[in-house]
PDB file of N, CA and C in Angstrom:
ATOM      1  N   MET A   1      -2.547  -9.286 -15.360  1.00  0.00           N
ATOM      2  CA  MET A   1      -2.865  -8.642 -13.977  1.00  0.00           C
ATOM      3  C   MET A   1      -2.527  -9.276 -13.390  1.00  0.00           C
ATOM      4  N   LEU A   2      -1.979  -7.936 -11.742  1.00  0.00           N
ATOM      5  CA  LEU A   2      -1.867  -8.325 -10.383  1.00  0.00           C
ATOM      6  C   LEU A   2      -3.016  -9.541 -10.147  1.00  0.00           C
ATOM      7  N   GLU A   3      -2.744 -10.082  -9.005  1.00  0.00           N
ATOM      8  CA  GLU A   3      -3.415 -10.423  -7.934  1.00  0.00           C
ATOM      9  C   GLU A   3      -4.483  -9.318  -7.118  1.00  0.00           C
ATOM     10  N   PRO A   4      -5.447  -9.471  -6.762  1.00  0.00           N
ATOM     11  CA  PRO A   4      -5.580  -8.054  -5.542  1.00  0.00           C
ATOM     12  C   PRO A   4      -4.709  -8.284  -4.875  1.00  0.00           C
ATOM     13  N   PHE A   5      -4.638  -7.462  -4.268  1.00  0.00           N
ATOM     14  CA  PHE A   5      -3.048  -6.743  -2.687  1.00  0.00           C
ATOM     15  C   PHE A   5      -3.311  -7.623  -1.889  1.00  0.00           C
ATOM     16  N   ALA A   6      -5.283  -7.781  -1.657  1.00  0.00           N
ATOM     17  CA  ALA A   6      -5.221  -8.474   0.241  1.00  0.00           C
ATOM     18  C   ALA A   6      -4.652  -9.888  -0.118  1.00  0.00           C
ATOM     19  N   SER A   7      -4.235 -10.822  -0.832  1.00  0.00           N
ATOM     20  CA  SER A   7      -4.009 -11.901  -0.977  1.00  0.00           C
ATOM     21  C   SER A   7      -2.532 -12.068  -1.373  1.00  0.00           C
ATOM     22  N   THR A   8      -1.537 -11.181  -1.692  1.00  0.00           N
ATOM     23  CA  THR A   8      -0.530 -10.983  -1.243  1.00  0.00           C
ATOM     24  C   THR A   8       0.052 -11.094   0.162  1.00  0.00           C
ATOM     25  N   MET A   9      -0.858 -10.243   1.139  1.00  0.00           N
ATOM     26  CA  MET A   9      -0.464  -9.623   2.238  1.00  0.00           C
ATOM     27  C   MET A   9      -0.470 -11.108   3.047  1.00  0.00           C
ATOM     28  N   ASN A  10      -0.887 -12.032   2.647  1.00  0.00           N
ATOM     29  CA  ASN A  10      -1.262 -13.285   3.698  1.00  0.00           C
ATOM     30  C   ASN A  10       0.002 -14.611   3.032  1.00  0.00           C
ATOM     31  N   GLY A  11       0.810 -13.904   2.421  1.00  0.00           N
ATOM     32  CA  GLY A  11       1.847 -15.125   1.917  1.00  0.00           C
ATOM     33  C   GLY A  11       2.771 -15.322   3.000  1.00  0.00           C
ATOM     34  N   ASN A  12       4.002 -15.456   2.353  1.00  0.00           N
ATOM     35  CA  ASN A  12       5.234 -15.815   3.252  1.00  0.00           C
ATOM     36  C   ASN A  12       5.709 -14.504   3.913  1.00  0.00           C
ATOM     37  N   ALA A  13       5.327 -13.324   3.943  1.00  0.00           N
ATOM     38  CA  ALA A  13       5.786 -12.952   4.683  1.00  0.00           C
ATOM     39  C   ALA A  13       5.630 -12.358   6.456  1.00  0.00           C
ATOM     40  N   GLY A  14       5.875 -13.006   6.587  1.00  0.00           N
ATOM     41  CA  GLY A  14       5.223 -13.538   8.457  1.00  0.00           C
ATOM     42  C   GLY A  14       6.301 -12.719   9.127  1.00  0.00           C
ATOM     43  N   HIS A  15       7.517 -12.516   9.190  1.00  0.00           N
ATOM     44  CA  HIS A  15       8.269 -11.961  10.300  1.00  0.00           C
ATOM     45  C   HIS A  15       7.871 -10.239   9.372  1.00  0.00           C
ATOM     46  N   ASP A  16       8.238 -10.430   8.319  1.00  0.00           N
ATOM     47  CA  ASP A  16       7.880  -9.138   7.824  1.00  0.00           C
ATOM     48  C   ASP A  16       6.698  -8.243   8.365  1.00  0.00           C
ATOM     49  N   ARG A  17       5.760  -9.467   8.248  1.00  0.00           N
ATOM     50  CA  ARG A  17       4.486  -8.363   8.746  1.00  0.00           C
ATOM     51  C   ARG A  17       3.957  -8.345  10.219  1.00  0.00           C
ATOM     52  N   LYS A  18       5.120  -9.325  11.031  1.00  0.00           N
ATOM     53  CA  LYS A  18       5.182  -8.323  12.965  1.00  0.00           C
ATOM     54  C   LYS A  18       5.721  -7.499  13.090  1.00  0.00           C
ATOM     55  N   GLN A  19       6.748  -7.071  11.655  1.00  0.00           N
ATOM     56  CA  GLN A  19       7.386  -6.272  11.902  1.00  0.00           C
ATOM     57  C   GLN A  19       6.557  -4.585  11.941  1.00  0.00           C
ATOM     58  N   VAL A  20       5.725  -4.947  10.564  1.00  0.00           N
ATOM     59  CA  VAL A  20       4.851  -3.996  10.323  1.00  0.00           C
ATOM     60  C   VAL A  20       4.108  -3.506  11.116  1.00  0.00           C
ATOM     61  N   GLU A  21       3.425  -4.518  12.178  1.00  0.00           N
ATOM     62  CA  GLU A  21       2.127  -4.419  12.753  1.00  0.00           C
ATOM     63  C   GLU A  21       2.885  -3.931  14.456  1.00  0.00           C
ATOM     64  N   ILE A  22       3.865  -4.071  14.705  1.00  0.00           N
ATOM     65  CA  ILE A  22       4.784  -3.601  15.596  1.00  0.00           C
ATOM     66  C   ILE A  22       5.092  -1.780  15.355  1.00  0.00           C
ATOM     67  N   ASP A  23       5.432  -1.365  14.710  1.00  0.00           N
ATOM     68  CA  ASP A  23       5.837  -0.574  13.772  1.00  0.00           C
ATOM     69  C   ASP A  23       4.378   0.775  13.802  1.00  0.00           C
ATOM     70  N   LEU A  24       3.282  -0.335  13.078  1.00  0.00           N
ATOM     71  CA  LEU A  24       2.042   0.876  12.861  1.00  0.00           C
ATOM     72  C   LEU A  24       1.726   0.259  14.510  1.00  0.00           C
ATOM     73  N   PHE A  25       1.578  -0.229  15.836  1.00  0.00           N
ATOM     74  CA  PHE A  25       0.817  -0.409  16.706  1.00  0.00           C
ATOM     75  C   PHE A  25       1.578   0.627  17.622  1.00  0.00           C
ATOM     76  N   SER A  26       2.904   1.189  17.711  1.00  0.00           N
ATOM     77  CA  SER A  26       3.031   2.413  18.700  1.00  0.00           C
ATOM     78  C   SER A  26       3.066   3.811  17.931  1.00  0.00           C
ATOM     79  N   LEU A  27       2.197   4.119  17.158  1.00  0.00           N
ATOM     80  CA  LEU A  27       1.531   5.489  16.588  1.00  0.00           C
ATOM     81  C   LEU A  27       0.074   5.548  16.629  1.00  0.00           C
ATOM     82  N   PRO A  28       0.333   6.547  17.140  1.00  0.00           N
ATOM     83  CA  PRO A  28      -1.497   6.864  17.173  1.00  0.00           C
ATOM     84  C   PRO A  28      -2.130   6.381  15.996  1.00  0.00           C
ATOM     85  N   PHE A  29      -3.277   6.496  16.262  1.00  0.00           N
ATOM     86  CA  PHE A  29      -4.231   5.933  15.146  1.00  0.00           C
ATOM     87  C   PHE A  29      -4.589   5.966  13.758  1.00  0.00           C
ATOM     88  N   HIS A  30      -4.669   7.550  13.925  1.00  0.00           N
ATOM     89  CA  HIS A  30      -4.521   8.534  12.534  1.00  0.00           C
ATOM     90  C   HIS A  30      -3.321   8.401  11.489  1.00  0.00           C
ATOM     91  N   LYS A  31      -2.475   8.466  12.271  1.00  0.00           N
ATOM     92  CA  LYS A  31      -0.729   8.178  11.259  1.00  0.00           C
ATOM     93  C   LYS A  31      -0.847   6.804  10.977  1.00  0.00           C
ATOM     94  N   ALA A  32      -0.925   5.706  12.191  1.00  0.00           N
ATOM     95  CA  ALA A  32      -0.690   4.149  11.807  1.00  0.00           C
ATOM     96  C   ALA A  32      -2.312   4.270  10.530  1.00  0.00           C
ATOM     97  N   VAL A  33      -2.883   4.556  10.560  1.00  0.00           N
ATOM     98  CA  VAL A  33      -3.288   4.826   9.236  1.00  0.00           C
ATOM     99  C   VAL A  33      -3.087   4.822   8.004  1.00  0.00           C
ATOM    100  N   SER A  34      -2.869   6.160   8.135  1.00  0.00           N
ATOM    101  CA  SER A  34      -1.644   6.717   6.878  1.00  0.00           C
ATOM    102  C   SER A  34      -0.714   5.783   6.524  1.00  0.00           C
ATOM    103  N   GLU A  35       0.028   5.967   7.427  1.00  0.00           N
ATOM    104  CA  GLU A  35       1.184   5.153   7.222  1.00  0.00           C
ATOM    105  C   GLU A  35       1.097   3.446   6.523  1.00  0.00           C
ATOM    106  N   LEU A  36      -0.354   2.917   6.602  1.00  0.00           N
ATOM    107  CA  LEU A  36      -0.260   1.855   6.541  1.00  0.00           C
ATOM    108  C   LEU A  36      -0.528   2.240   4.682  1.00  0.00           C
ATOM    109  N   GLU A  37      -1.777   2.860   4.674  1.00  0.00           N
ATOM    110  CA  GLU A  37      -2.194   3.250   3.170  1.00  0.00           C
ATOM    111  C   GLU A  37      -0.737   3.698   2.244  1.00  0.00           C
ATOM    112  N   ARG A  38       0.107   4.625   3.177  1.00  0.00           N
ATOM    113  CA  ARG A  38       1.548   4.904   2.152  1.00  0.00           C
ATOM    114  C   ARG A  38       1.968   3.514   1.664  1.00  0.00           C
ATOM    115  N   ARG A  39       2.108   2.794   2.497  1.00  0.00           N
ATOM    116  CA  ARG A  39       3.188   1.545   2.136  1.00  0.00           C
ATOM    117  C   ARG A  39       2.341   0.562   1.773  1.00  0.00           C
ATOM    118  N   LEU A  40       1.044  -0.388   1.333  1.00  0.00           N
ATOM    119  CA  LEU A  40       0.578  -0.391   0.962  1.00  0.00           C
ATOM    120  C   LEU A  40       0.036   0.409  -0.553  1.00  0.00           C
ATOM    121  N   ILE A  41       0.366   1.126  -0.734  1.00  0.00           N
ATOM    122  CA  ILE A  41       0.708   2.667  -2.321  1.00  0.00           C
ATOM    123  C   ILE A  41       1.811   2.147  -2.890  1.00  0.00           C
ATOM    124  N   GLU A  42       2.730   2.278  -2.745  1.00  0.00           N
ATOM    125  CA  GLU A  42       4.154   2.054  -2.675  1.00  0.00           C
ATOM    126  C   GLU A  42       4.040   0.318  -3.398  1.00  0.00           C
ATOM    127  N   LYS A  43       4.189  -0.547  -2.175  1.00  0.00           N
ATOM    128  CA  LYS A  43       4.159  -1.993  -2.625  1.00  0.00           C
ATOM    129  C   LYS A  43       3.423  -1.780  -3.490  1.00  0.00           C
ATOM    130  N   ALA A  44       1.901  -1.901  -3.954  1.00  0.00           N
ATOM    131  CA  ALA A  44       1.081  -1.682  -5.632  1.00  0.00           C
ATOM    132  C   ALA A  44       1.779  -1.213  -6.485  1.00  0.00           C
ATOM    133  N   LEU A  45       2.485   0.303  -6.525  1.00  0.00           N
ATOM    134  CA  LEU A  45       3.237   0.542  -7.588  1.00  0.00           C
ATOM    135  C   LEU A  45       3.992   0.024  -7.810  1.00  0.00           C
ATOM    136  N   GLU A  46       5.164  -0.509  -6.722  1.00  0.00           N
ATOM    137  CA  GLU A  46       6.401  -1.366  -7.077  1.00  0.00           C
ATOM    138  C   GLU A  46       5.783  -2.637  -7.935  1.00  0.00           C
ATOM    139  N   GLU A  47       4.748  -3.357  -7.197  1.00  0.00           N
ATOM    140  CA  GLU A  47       4.353  -4.534  -7.968  1.00  0.00           C
ATOM    141  C   GLU A  47       3.843  -4.279  -9.699  1.00  0.00           C
ATOM    142  N   ALA A  48       3.208  -3.248  -9.776  1.00  0.00           N
ATOM    143  CA  ALA A  48       2.625  -2.965 -10.884  1.00  0.00           C
ATOM    144  C   ALA A  48       4.074  -2.031 -11.976  1.00  0.00           C
ATOM    145  N   GLN A  49       5.215  -1.943 -11.572  1.00  0.00           N
ATOM    146  CA  GLN A  49       6.283  -1.600 -11.914  1.00  0.00           C
ATOM    147  C   GLN A  49       5.758  -0.138 -12.593  1.00  0.00           C
ATOM    148  N   GLY A  50       5.161   0.691 -11.748  1.00  0.00           N
ATOM    149  CA  GLY A  50       4.926   2.066 -11.955  1.00  0.00           C
ATOM    150  C   GLY A  50       3.895   2.508 -12.906  1.00  0.00           C
ATOM    151  N   ASN A  51       3.731   1.245 -13.205  1.00  0.00           N
ATOM    152  CA  ASN A  51       1.717   1.320 -13.744  1.00  0.00           C
ATOM    153  C   ASN A  51       0.504   1.976 -12.943  1.00  0.00           C
ATOM    154  N   LYS A  52       0.330   2.821 -12.782  1.00  0.00           N
ATOM    155  CA  LYS A  52      -1.085   3.553 -11.606  1.00  0.00           C
ATOM    156  C   LYS A  52      -2.204   2.577 -12.259  1.00  0.00           C
ATOM    157  N   SER A  53      -2.338   2.950 -13.555  1.00  0.00           N
ATOM    158  CA  SER A  53      -4.003   2.125 -13.610  1.00  0.00           C
ATOM    159  C   SER A  53      -4.144   0.448 -13.304  1.00  0.00           C
ATOM    160  N   GLU A  54      -2.726  -0.160 -13.026  1.00  0.00           N
ATOM    161  CA  GLU A  54      -2.830  -1.845 -12.547  1.00  0.00           C
ATOM    162  C   GLU A  54      -2.313  -1.730 -11.260  1.00  0.00           C
ATOM    163  N   ALA A  55      -1.593  -0.615 -10.582  1.00  0.00           N
ATOM    164  CA  ALA A  55      -1.494  -0.430  -9.311  1.00  0.00           C
ATOM    165  C   ALA A  55      -2.930  -0.245  -8.475  1.00  0.00           C
ATOM    166  N   ALA A  56      -3.749   0.553  -9.401  1.00  0.00           N
ATOM    167  CA  ALA A  56      -5.721   0.934  -8.753  1.00  0.00           C
ATOM    168  C   ALA A  56      -5.794  -0.423  -9.065  1.00  0.00           C
ATOM    169  N   ASN A  57      -5.865  -0.985  -9.744  1.00  0.00           N
ATOM    170  CA  ASN A  57      -6.832  -2.469 -10.298  1.00  0.00           C
ATOM    171  C   ASN A  57      -6.447  -3.202  -8.581  1.00  0.00           C
ATOM    172  N   CYS A  58      -5.166  -3.399  -8.748  1.00  0.00           N
ATOM    173  CA  CYS A  58      -4.204  -3.871  -7.337  1.00  0.00           C
ATOM    174  C   CYS A  58      -4.830  -3.986  -5.977  1.00  0.00           C
ATOM    175  N   LEU A  59      -5.068  -2.146  -5.824  1.00  0.00           N
ATOM    176  CA  LEU A  59      -5.541  -2.258  -4.292  1.00  0.00           C
ATOM    177  C   LEU A  59      -7.191  -1.754  -5.180  1.00  0.00           C
ATOM    178  N   GLN A  60      -7.388  -2.659  -5.318  1.00  0.00           N
ATOM    179  CA  GLN A  60      -9.345  -2.549  -5.443  1.00  0.00           C
ATOM    180  C   GLN A  60      -9.645  -0.542  -5.864  1.00  0.00           C
ATOM    181  N   SER A  61      -9.376  -0.188  -6.645  1.00  0.00           N
ATOM    182  CA  SER A  61      -9.043   1.037  -5.938  1.00  0.00           C
ATOM    183  C   SER A  61      -9.160   2.225  -7.513  1.00  0.00           C
ATOM    184  N   ASN A  62      -9.935   3.649  -7.690  1.00  0.00           N
ATOM    185  CA  ASN A  62      -9.941   3.494  -8.606  1.00  0.00           C
ATOM    186  C   ASN A  62      -8.535   4.865  -9.118  1.00  0.00           C
ATOM    187  N   ARG A  63      -8.048   4.880 -10.278  1.00  0.00           N
ATOM    188  CA  ARG A  63      -6.971   5.532 -11.078  1.00  0.00           C
ATOM    189  C   ARG A  63      -6.892   7.173  -9.721  1.00  0.00           C
ATOM    190  N   ARG A  64      -7.944   7.366 -10.164  1.00  0.00           N
ATOM    191  CA  ARG A  64      -8.352   9.258  -9.024  1.00  0.00           C
ATOM    192  C   ARG A  64      -7.947   8.976  -8.170  1.00  0.00           C
ATOM    193  N   LEU A  65      -8.102   8.109  -7.662  1.00  0.00           N
ATOM    194  CA  LEU A  65      -7.703   8.333  -5.703  1.00  0.00           C
ATOM    195  C   LEU A  65      -6.662   7.677  -5.570  1.00  0.00           C
ATOM    196  N   LEU A  66      -5.997   6.723  -6.533  1.00  0.00           N
ATOM    197  CA  LEU A  66      -4.538   6.524  -6.316  1.00  0.00           C
ATOM    198  C   LEU A  66      -3.983   7.955  -6.650  1.00  0.00           C
ATOM    199  N   TYR A  67      -4.136   8.458  -8.024  1.00  0.00           N
ATOM    200  CA  TYR A  67      -3.455  10.107  -8.242  1.00  0.00           C
ATOM    201  C   TYR A  67      -3.621  10.942  -6.656  1.00  0.00           C
ATOM    202  N   LYS A  68      -4.733  10.822  -6.276  1.00  0.00           N
ATOM    203  CA  LYS A  68      -4.816  11.966  -4.989  1.00  0.00           C
ATOM    204  C   LYS A  68      -4.180  11.355  -3.883  1.00  0.00           C
ATOM    205  N   LYS A  69      -4.029  10.305  -3.732  1.00  0.00           N
ATOM    206  CA  LYS A  69      -3.647   9.283  -1.871  1.00  0.00           C
ATOM    207  C   LYS A  69      -1.757   9.578  -2.398  1.00  0.00           C
ATOM    208  N   ILE A  70      -1.479   9.549  -3.797  1.00  0.00           N
ATOM    209  CA  ILE A  70      -0.023   9.691  -4.046  1.00  0.00           C
ATOM    210  C   ILE A  70       0.592  10.736  -4.281  1.00  0.00           C
ATOM    211  N   GLU A  71      -0.396  11.743  -4.155  1.00  0.00           N
ATOM    212  CA  GLU A  71       0.228  13.634  -3.928  1.00  0.00           C
ATOM    213  C   GLU A  71       0.284  13.051  -2.352  1.00  0.00           C
ATOM    214  N   LYS A  72      -1.076  13.362  -1.936  1.00  0.00           N
ATOM    215  CA  LYS A  72      -0.765  13.404  -0.457  1.00  0.00           C
ATOM    216  C   LYS A  72       0.096  12.893   0.169  1.00  0.00           C
ATOM    217  N   HIS A  73       0.185  11.473  -0.022  1.00  0.00           N
ATOM    218  CA  HIS A  73       1.189  10.705   0.688  1.00  0.00           C
ATOM    219  C   HIS A  73       2.730  11.786   0.042  1.00  0.00           C
ATOM    220  N   LYS A  74       3.038  12.363  -0.963  1.00  0.00           N
ATOM    221  CA  LYS A  74       4.254  12.964  -1.357  1.00  0.00           C
ATOM    222  C   LYS A  74       5.185  11.591  -2.073  1.00  0.00           C
ATOM    223  N   ILE A  75       4.263  10.756  -2.175  1.00  0.00           N
ATOM    224  CA  ILE A  75       5.131   9.347  -3.223  1.00  0.00           C
ATOM    225  C   ILE A  75       5.642   9.644  -4.868  1.00  0.00           C
ATOM    226  N   SER A  76       6.813   9.689  -5.098  1.00  0.00           N
ATOM    227  CA  SER A  76       7.357   9.661  -6.120  1.00  0.00           C
ATOM    228  C   SER A  76       7.334   8.624  -7.551  1.00  0.00           C
ATOM    229  N   ASP A  77       7.383   8.958  -8.323  1.00  0.00           N
ATOM    230  CA  ASP A  77       7.010   8.004  -9.207  1.00  0.00           C
ATOM    231  C   ASP A  77       8.936   7.025  -9.154  1.00  0.00           C
TER     232      ASP A  77
END
């Protein structure tokens, strides 16, 4: 099982994390939140190798909400 996603965000991605912060801070608040949500879902799905139940667990969410968010952000399998 994957570890909770929050703990992986504090890893060795210092430079990438700074770039994400810069990108997100350049957007209006609601768009930045939506973009961050999309990126987190994509990262969780990638780490879970497409397993939505595992990705939802990694995000500390439930599968039904993850499906709604995938549809909202038009994330393909």
